[in-house]
Amino acid sequence: MEDNPKEEDDYDPYAERNVPNGTNDLESMMHIIKGILGTGILAMPEAFKNSGMILGFVGSIGNGLLCTYAIHVFVNCLYMLCKKNRKPALTYSEAMKVGFADGPAWAKPRSGLACKLADSFIIAYQRRLVDTFLLTFGLQRFPLAFGTTCFAFTSVAIVFAVENNMKTPKHFGGWFGIYNRSLAILMTVYIALAFLGYWKFGEDTKSSIALNLPPNAILTQTVNLLYALAIYISFGLNGLVPINLLWNSYLYKRLEDSSSQLAWEYLLRILLVTICLVFAATVPMLGLFVSLLGAITLSHLLFIFPGLLDLCTRYPNNYGRGKIYKYRSIFLICYGYIGLLTGVSVGFYEIALEFKNIYSK
């Protein structure tokens, strides 16, 4: 999507990256598709019902393209930071720390905070909890929570983990790169199901298109079983990044001399899965709380942080002709805050309304 800026230094982070068991282009594309595509797709037909066919098309495509572009902005920043600091790869949070440290005066003292916030948001955002509810929640209040609807089109932690583990990371970006092709497939599937589902059931479309199918039909039961299996298989993929982040960045250093490292790591994995299960089974109005969490974490991870990092990475004299990249970064930050404010306001309003209805009975 973007050309990497020319540097006098001939250091190439991609050429220096050593990935013993890296994934090829097809494997990387499948990982991205599997990591992003979730049960939230079943809510797409109702999203079109609530927003209207034309607005649904325009909003879905526009938000999907903007999400894709924001990811490319961040990946381009990763490349520039790796090249400048002569590192083969950086994680999301490492990039925030390094970028802020190299940025303007207001950013330098906040580099540690930026790193910790990025880690916290990545850990807090569990895609398999969020994707089931987020899209319906956003589009039902179209356009009030318009910014939050785009969060169904990406999984930040998975995308950057895949890019760091590719045999040929140069193939990730570009107009016809791995990420764009993956998103083209995902957007086509999402929008096609939304159109066909709404076309078939019209105003009777329910929150999940599966609920419109005859409950006792073999086809319905097969669909539900396959989706349960898909979530079970992909749960480990989506939990990989938070687990590695907690273990490698925080816990391993404290347990470096322990003879039971493997046991502690398994305990951490079991604990996180158990927490997700307990929340899903016990928290009332989980959909609203998860949507609220998604609006807070993803508005930062998708738009605000990439915009801030781009401002810092290009500081002081690399903002392009007419400072176009500076204005682009400011736009991403503002768009992220619009999604954050609308998502949080609608989330708190809906939660308060639900509590009011419960206690008024």
Protein backbone atom coordinates (compact mmCIF):
# COMPACT_ATOMS: atom_id res chain seq x y z
CA MET A 1 0.00 0.00 0.00
CA GLU A 2 2.85 2.43 0.81
CA ASP A 3 6.38 2.75 -0.44
CA ASN A 4 8.98 2.39 2.27
CA PRO A 5 10.97 5.60 2.61
CA LYS A 6 14.47 5.55 1.18
CA GLU A 7 17.25 5.31 3.73
CA GLU A 8 20.98 5.75 3.25
CA ASP A 9 21.50 2.70 5.44
CA ASP A 10 21.27 -0.49 3.39
CA TYR A 11 20.16 -2.59 6.38
CA ASP A 12 17.15 -4.70 5.37
CA PRO A 13 15.17 -6.04 8.36
CA TYR A 14 13.42 -8.62 6.21
CA ALA A 15 16.70 -10.06 4.95
CA GLU A 16 18.08 -10.23 8.51
CA ARG A 17 15.01 -11.90 9.97
CA ASN A 18 15.67 -15.52 10.96
CA VAL A 19 12.45 -17.55 11.21
CA PRO A 20 13.29 -21.28 11.47
CA ASN A 21 9.70 -22.49 11.03
CA GLY A 22 8.26 -19.57 9.10
CA THR A 23 5.03 -19.82 7.15
CA ASN A 24 4.81 -19.49 3.38
CA ASP A 25 2.43 -17.09 1.66
CA LEU A 26 -0.52 -19.48 1.48
CA GLU A 27 -0.14 -20.58 5.10
CA SER A 28 0.11 -16.95 6.23
CA MET A 29 -3.02 -16.05 4.30
CA MET A 30 -4.93 -18.95 5.83
CA HIS A 31 -3.81 -17.93 9.33
CA ILE A 32 -5.08 -14.38 8.77
CA ILE A 33 -8.42 -15.54 7.40
CA LYS A 34 -8.85 -18.09 10.18
CA GLY A 35 -7.88 -15.55 12.84
CA ILE A 36 -10.30 -12.85 11.65
CA LEU A 37 -13.31 -14.82 10.43
CA GLY A 38 -15.51 -15.55 13.43
CA THR A 39 -19.09 -16.13 14.43
CA GLY A 40 -19.76 -12.40 14.10
CA ILE A 41 -20.37 -13.10 10.43
CA LEU A 42 -23.73 -14.62 11.42
CA ALA A 43 -24.83 -11.17 12.61
CA MET A 44 -24.15 -9.48 9.25
CA PRO A 45 -27.66 -9.96 7.78
CA GLU A 46 -29.26 -8.21 10.76
CA ALA A 47 -26.68 -5.47 10.42
CA PHE A 48 -27.92 -4.86 6.88
CA LYS A 49 -31.51 -4.94 8.14
CA ASN A 50 -30.81 -2.22 10.68
CA SER A 51 -28.67 -0.03 8.47
CA GLY A 52 -30.36 -0.53 5.12
CA MET A 53 -28.99 -2.28 2.08
CA ILE A 54 -27.16 0.67 0.51
CA LEU A 55 -25.74 2.05 3.76
CA GLY A 56 -24.77 -1.47 4.79
CA PHE A 57 -22.76 -1.94 1.59
CA VAL A 58 -21.08 1.46 1.79
CA GLY A 59 -20.37 1.25 5.51
CA SER A 60 -19.00 -2.30 5.41
CA ILE A 61 -16.72 -1.64 2.45
CA GLY A 62 -15.59 1.77 3.72
CA ASN A 63 -14.79 0.55 7.21
CA GLY A 64 -13.09 -2.56 5.91
CA LEU A 65 -10.84 -0.53 3.63
CA LEU A 66 -10.00 1.93 6.40
CA CYS A 67 -9.10 -0.90 8.79
CA THR A 68 -6.89 -2.45 6.13
CA TYR A 69 -5.16 0.86 5.44
CA ALA A 70 -4.50 1.48 9.15
CA ILE A 71 -2.81 -1.93 9.42
CA HIS A 72 -0.59 -1.07 6.45
CA VAL A 73 0.37 2.22 8.09
CA PHE A 74 1.47 0.38 11.22
CA VAL A 75 3.39 -2.28 9.28
CA ASN A 76 5.21 0.45 7.35
CA CYS A 77 6.14 2.07 10.68
CA LEU A 78 7.46 -1.30 11.87
CA TYR A 79 9.72 -1.52 8.83
CA MET A 80 11.07 2.01 9.27
CA LEU A 81 11.73 1.48 12.98
CA CYS A 82 13.42 -1.88 12.38
CA LYS A 83 15.61 -0.32 9.69
CA LYS A 84 16.48 2.71 11.82
CA ASN A 85 17.31 0.63 14.91
CA ARG A 86 18.83 -2.28 12.96
CA LYS A 87 16.45 -4.88 14.34
CA PRO A 88 15.00 -7.72 12.24
CA ALA A 89 11.57 -7.56 13.88
CA LEU A 90 9.53 -5.75 16.51
CA THR A 91 6.29 -6.67 18.23
CA TYR A 92 3.37 -4.25 18.44
CA SER A 93 4.25 -3.03 21.93
CA GLU A 94 8.00 -2.89 21.20
CA ALA A 95 7.28 -0.70 18.19
CA MET A 96 5.23 1.67 20.35
CA LYS A 97 8.08 1.95 22.86
CA VAL A 98 10.83 2.45 20.28
CA GLY A 99 8.73 4.80 18.14
CA PHE A 100 7.77 7.04 21.05
CA ALA A 101 11.37 7.07 22.32
CA ASP A 102 12.56 8.32 18.89
CA GLY A 103 9.67 10.75 18.50
CA PRO A 104 9.02 14.37 19.48
CA ALA A 105 9.54 15.76 22.98
CA TRP A 106 5.99 15.08 24.14
CA ALA A 107 6.30 11.38 23.22
CA LYS A 108 9.72 10.46 24.64
CA PRO A 109 8.75 10.32 28.36
CA ARG A 110 5.63 8.33 27.48
CA SER A 111 7.36 5.48 25.62
CA GLY A 112 7.07 3.08 28.57
CA LEU A 113 3.41 3.95 29.08
CA ALA A 114 2.67 3.43 25.38
CA CYS A 115 4.26 -0.02 25.53
CA LYS A 116 2.31 -1.07 28.62
CA LEU A 117 -0.98 0.25 27.22
CA ALA A 118 -0.46 -1.68 24.00
CA ASP A 119 0.28 -4.87 25.96
CA SER A 120 -2.79 -4.35 28.17
CA PHE A 121 -5.15 -3.79 25.24
CA ILE A 122 -3.82 -6.81 23.33
CA ILE A 123 -4.26 -9.04 26.38
CA ALA A 124 -7.71 -7.62 27.18
CA TYR A 125 -8.98 -8.07 23.64
CA GLN A 126 -9.91 -11.72 23.15
CA ARG A 127 -11.27 -12.01 19.61
CA ARG A 128 -13.35 -15.12 20.20
CA LEU A 129 -15.29 -13.27 22.91
CA VAL A 130 -15.64 -10.04 20.98
CA ASP A 131 -16.51 -11.07 17.44
CA THR A 132 -19.78 -12.75 18.34
CA PHE A 133 -21.35 -9.54 19.55
CA LEU A 134 -19.49 -6.55 18.24
CA LEU A 135 -20.79 -6.13 14.72
CA THR A 136 -24.46 -6.41 15.60
CA PHE A 137 -24.05 -3.99 18.47
CA GLY A 138 -22.41 -1.38 16.26
CA LEU A 139 -24.65 -1.52 13.23
CA GLN A 140 -27.88 -1.61 15.20
CA ARG A 141 -27.08 1.98 16.21
CA PHE A 142 -25.90 3.07 12.80
CA PRO A 143 -24.38 5.64 12.41
CA LEU A 144 -23.98 6.50 16.13
CA ALA A 145 -21.45 3.72 16.65
CA PHE A 146 -20.33 3.67 13.02
CA GLY A 147 -16.67 3.65 14.00
CA THR A 148 -16.95 0.45 16.01
CA THR A 149 -18.41 -1.60 13.14
CA CYS A 150 -15.07 -1.90 11.39
CA PHE A 151 -13.61 -3.92 14.25
CA ALA A 152 -15.10 -7.10 12.82
CA PHE A 153 -12.66 -6.91 9.90
CA THR A 154 -9.38 -7.54 11.66
CA SER A 155 -7.63 -9.25 14.54
CA VAL A 156 -4.70 -7.01 15.44
CA ALA A 157 -2.63 -9.46 17.49
CA ILE A 158 -2.93 -12.27 14.95
CA VAL A 159 -2.09 -10.07 11.97
CA PHE A 160 1.23 -8.87 13.39
CA ALA A 161 2.13 -12.31 14.73
CA VAL A 162 1.63 -13.74 11.24
CA GLU A 163 3.71 -10.96 9.63
CA ASN A 164 6.58 -11.57 12.05
CA ASN A 165 6.54 -15.29 11.30
CA MET A 166 6.48 -15.16 7.47
CA LYS A 167 9.28 -16.61 5.36
CA THR A 168 8.83 -13.73 2.90
CA PRO A 169 7.51 -10.76 4.93
CA LYS A 170 7.91 -8.48 1.89
CA HIS A 171 4.87 -10.25 0.44
CA PHE A 172 2.65 -9.12 3.34
CA GLY A 173 2.12 -5.55 2.12
CA GLY A 174 1.50 -4.05 -1.29
CA TRP A 175 -1.68 -3.69 -3.32
CA PHE A 176 -1.78 -7.42 -4.08
CA GLY A 177 0.01 -8.61 -0.95
CA ILE A 178 -1.03 -11.32 1.46
CA TYR A 179 -3.01 -9.04 3.76
CA ASN A 180 -4.99 -7.31 1.03
CA ARG A 181 -5.89 -10.61 -0.61
CA SER A 182 -6.99 -12.04 2.75
CA LEU A 183 -9.16 -9.01 3.50
CA ALA A 184 -10.65 -9.08 0.00
CA ILE A 185 -11.80 -12.66 0.60
CA LEU A 186 -13.12 -11.85 4.08
CA MET A 187 -15.01 -8.73 3.00
CA THR A 188 -16.55 -10.60 0.07
CA VAL A 189 -17.74 -13.40 2.36
CA TYR A 190 -19.07 -11.00 5.02
CA ILE A 191 -20.94 -8.76 2.59
CA ALA A 192 -22.26 -11.66 0.48
CA LEU A 193 -23.74 -13.41 3.54
CA ALA A 194 -25.21 -10.12 4.75
CA PHE A 195 -26.86 -9.44 1.40
CA LEU A 196 -28.18 -12.96 0.84
CA GLY A 197 -29.40 -13.37 4.42
CA TYR A 198 -31.28 -10.06 4.45
CA TRP A 199 -32.62 -10.70 0.94
CA LYS A 200 -34.01 -14.07 2.07
CA PHE A 201 -35.54 -13.15 5.45
CA GLY A 202 -36.09 -9.39 5.15
CA GLU A 203 -37.48 -7.72 8.27
CA ASP A 204 -37.70 -11.12 9.98
CA THR A 205 -33.90 -11.39 10.05
CA LYS A 206 -32.73 -12.22 13.58
CA SER A 207 -29.59 -11.31 15.52
CA SER A 208 -27.87 -14.43 14.24
CA ILE A 209 -28.88 -15.73 10.83
CA ALA A 210 -28.67 -19.25 12.27
CA LEU A 211 -31.75 -18.43 14.39
CA ASN A 212 -33.78 -18.03 11.18
CA LEU A 213 -33.13 -21.64 10.25
CA PRO A 214 -35.53 -24.38 11.46
CA PRO A 215 -34.12 -25.36 14.90
CA ASN A 216 -34.69 -29.09 14.49
CA ALA A 217 -33.40 -29.35 10.95
CA ILE A 218 -30.29 -31.43 10.34
CA LEU A 219 -28.74 -28.52 8.40
CA THR A 220 -29.16 -26.14 11.34
CA GLN A 221 -27.67 -28.57 13.82
CA THR A 222 -24.79 -29.26 11.45
CA VAL A 223 -24.06 -25.52 11.08
CA ASN A 224 -24.07 -25.02 14.85
CA LEU A 225 -21.80 -28.02 15.36
CA LEU A 226 -19.34 -26.83 12.72
CA TYR A 227 -19.20 -23.35 14.22
CA ALA A 228 -18.57 -24.76 17.67
CA LEU A 229 -15.77 -26.86 16.20
CA ALA A 230 -14.33 -23.84 14.36
CA ILE A 231 -14.23 -21.77 17.55
CA TYR A 232 -12.64 -24.65 19.42
CA ILE A 233 -9.90 -25.07 16.81
CA SER A 234 -9.16 -21.36 16.38
CA PHE A 235 -9.29 -20.45 20.08
CA GLY A 236 -5.68 -21.48 20.51
CA LEU A 237 -4.59 -19.35 17.56
CA ASN A 238 -6.25 -16.25 18.98
CA GLY A 239 -4.90 -16.93 22.46
CA LEU A 240 -1.34 -17.45 21.23
CA VAL A 241 -0.33 -13.78 21.27
CA PRO A 242 -1.67 -12.90 24.77
CA ILE A 243 -0.09 -16.05 26.20
CA ASN A 244 3.30 -15.36 24.63
CA LEU A 245 3.08 -11.71 25.65
CA LEU A 246 2.36 -12.48 29.30
CA TRP A 247 4.89 -15.30 29.50
CA ASN A 248 7.83 -13.87 27.56
CA SER A 249 7.51 -10.23 28.62
CA TYR A 250 6.50 -10.53 32.25
CA LEU A 251 6.51 -14.00 33.82
CA TYR A 252 9.53 -15.77 32.30
CA LYS A 253 12.00 -13.31 33.85
CA ARG A 254 10.61 -14.00 37.31
CA LEU A 255 10.65 -17.77 36.80
CA GLU A 256 13.94 -18.01 34.91
CA ASP A 257 15.63 -20.02 37.67
CA SER A 258 12.61 -22.21 38.41
CA SER A 259 12.74 -25.92 37.65
CA SER A 260 8.98 -25.93 36.94
CA GLN A 261 8.82 -23.46 34.06
CA LEU A 262 6.76 -25.78 31.87
CA ALA A 263 4.23 -26.37 34.65
CA TRP A 264 3.88 -22.62 35.25
CA GLU A 265 3.37 -22.00 31.54
CA TYR A 266 0.63 -24.64 31.34
CA LEU A 267 -0.96 -23.16 34.43
CA LEU A 268 -1.03 -19.74 32.74
CA ARG A 269 -2.67 -21.21 29.64
CA ILE A 270 -5.29 -23.03 31.69
CA LEU A 271 -5.96 -19.91 33.76
CA LEU A 272 -6.61 -17.68 30.74
CA VAL A 273 -8.90 -20.21 29.08
CA THR A 274 -10.77 -20.65 32.37
CA ILE A 275 -11.19 -16.89 32.77
CA CYS A 276 -12.68 -16.63 29.28
CA LEU A 277 -15.02 -19.52 29.98
CA VAL A 278 -16.16 -18.11 33.33
CA PHE A 279 -16.82 -14.68 31.84
CA ALA A 280 -18.77 -16.15 28.93
CA ALA A 281 -20.89 -18.32 31.24
CA THR A 282 -21.55 -15.97 34.15
CA VAL A 283 -21.35 -12.29 33.17
CA PRO A 284 -24.83 -10.81 32.58
CA MET A 285 -25.33 -8.84 29.36
CA LEU A 286 -22.00 -10.17 28.14
CA GLY A 287 -22.60 -8.86 24.63
CA LEU A 288 -22.84 -5.27 25.83
CA PHE A 289 -19.80 -5.53 28.09
CA VAL A 290 -17.74 -7.17 25.38
CA SER A 291 -18.78 -4.52 22.85
CA LEU A 292 -17.77 -1.84 25.32
CA LEU A 293 -14.39 -3.54 25.83
CA GLY A 294 -13.95 -3.89 22.09
CA ALA A 295 -14.67 -0.20 21.49
CA ILE A 296 -12.02 0.79 24.06
CA THR A 297 -9.26 -1.61 23.04
CA LEU A 298 -9.67 -1.75 19.28
CA SER A 299 -10.15 1.98 18.73
CA HIS A 300 -6.66 2.33 20.19
CA LEU A 301 -5.02 -0.71 18.57
CA LEU A 302 -6.48 -0.10 15.11
CA PHE A 303 -6.46 3.67 14.69
CA ILE A 304 -5.15 5.78 17.58
CA PHE A 305 -1.88 3.91 18.16
CA PRO A 306 -1.02 3.55 14.44
CA GLY A 307 -1.67 7.27 13.96
CA LEU A 308 0.48 8.24 16.95
CA LEU A 309 3.24 5.83 15.96
CA ASP A 310 3.30 7.20 12.42
CA LEU A 311 3.64 10.75 13.77
CA CYS A 312 6.57 9.67 15.96
CA THR A 313 8.28 7.46 13.38
CA ARG A 314 8.30 10.15 10.68
CA TYR A 315 9.41 12.89 13.07
CA PRO A 316 10.80 15.44 12.32
CA ASN A 317 11.23 15.71 8.55
CA ASN A 318 9.59 12.70 6.93
CA TYR A 319 5.96 13.79 6.68
CA GLY A 320 5.97 13.95 2.89
CA ARG A 321 5.04 16.74 0.50
CA GLY A 322 2.71 19.22 2.17
CA LYS A 323 2.96 17.12 5.36
CA ILE A 324 0.37 14.75 3.90
CA TYR A 325 1.40 11.85 6.17
CA LYS A 326 1.02 14.06 9.23
CA TYR A 327 -2.56 14.92 8.28
CA ARG A 328 -3.25 11.26 7.52
CA SER A 329 -2.06 10.28 11.00
CA ILE A 330 -4.22 12.97 12.59
CA PHE A 331 -7.22 11.66 10.64
CA LEU A 332 -6.63 8.10 11.92
CA ILE A 333 -6.34 9.36 15.50
CA CYS A 334 -9.54 11.41 15.22
CA TYR A 335 -11.41 8.52 13.62
CA GLY A 336 -10.28 6.24 16.41
CA TYR A 337 -11.50 8.65 19.05
CA ILE A 338 -14.87 8.97 17.31
CA GLY A 339 -15.21 5.18 17.46
CA LEU A 340 -14.06 5.20 21.08
CA LEU A 341 -16.44 7.93 22.26
CA THR A 342 -19.48 6.66 20.40
CA GLY A 343 -18.79 3.04 21.37
CA VAL A 344 -18.32 3.88 25.05
CA SER A 345 -21.33 6.22 25.20
CA VAL A 346 -23.65 3.74 23.51
CA GLY A 347 -22.24 0.90 25.58
CA PHE A 348 -22.86 2.60 28.91
CA TYR A 349 -26.29 3.77 27.75
CA GLU A 350 -27.37 0.29 26.73
CA ILE A 351 -26.00 -1.28 29.92
CA ALA A 352 -27.84 1.29 32.05
CA LEU A 353 -31.01 0.68 30.03
CA GLU A 354 -30.77 -3.06 30.53
CA PHE A 355 -30.27 -2.68 34.29
CA LYS A 356 -33.24 -0.31 34.40
CA ASN A 357 -35.44 -2.85 32.60
CA ILE A 358 -34.31 -5.64 34.92
CA TYR A 359 -34.98 -3.77 38.15
CA SER A 360 -38.24 -2.23 36.93
CA LYS A 361 -39.84 -5.66 36.54
